[in-house]
Amino acid sequence: MTIRVAVVDDHQLFRRGVIGILQAADDIDVVGEGIDGTEAVELAERLLPDVLIMDLSMPKMTGLEATQRIHAVDPQLKILILTVNEEERSLFDAIKQGAQGYVIKTIDPEELVHAVRRVHLGEAVVPGNLALRILSDMAHPKHPPVGEGCVEPLTTREVEVLRELGTGAANKDIAKRLFISENTVRNHVRNILDKLHMSNRVEAATYAVREGLIRE
């Protein structure tokens, strides 16, 4: 399956570089590009890409504002943030508003391609060494404790998978750690989101941190 991607960044040289890297991958097709948040919203509505990659600091409308608007209209569209500063407060806010994750602009080309593939699969892309700090910062009371107030209580295995989500682990890593298949992991993640009434892995990971399933 070809992944349809749109790239938005106000620096033309960098944007074209990202596009070139992605176009070199057999399973990725860059269907559009833009220079600011306003164009990001327009591209999302007009082209319906699978993944939207965009900078945070852009003219007319920031990446954070664009994320809020896009996610409100199409929560299924995967947004991957480009940033030069992983300490930026708006980066945390973008993830809370629906972005699937972020990558640093100094990332290796092959890692960027891998990040796009992970996001397309619905995985959260947050660098491992910062995952717990970011998720802890995001955490705030919203859902009842595990097993209380859910449509169905989480199984022991689902709690284990949820704990792994809180570390920012990819499906293949969770599968290896728990000695199960990637397909089984995907099924567990889907069940967890359904039971806890959550929309994405980032929200589930935040929940795992807040409930003490993950400890720094």
Foldseek 3Di string as FASTA:
>chain_A
DAFEEEEEAQDVVLRVVLQVLQVVDPRYDHPYYYHFLVVQLVCCVPVVGQEYEYEQDGPPHGPQRSLLVSCVVPLRREYEYEYQDPVDPSQLSSVLSRHLEYDYSVDDSVVVNVVSVQSSVQARDYPQVCQLVSLQVSADDDFDAAQPPWPGGQDPVLLLLLLVLLSSDGLVVSCVVVVHDSVVSVVSVVVVCNRRVHDGSSVSSSSCSVNPVYDD
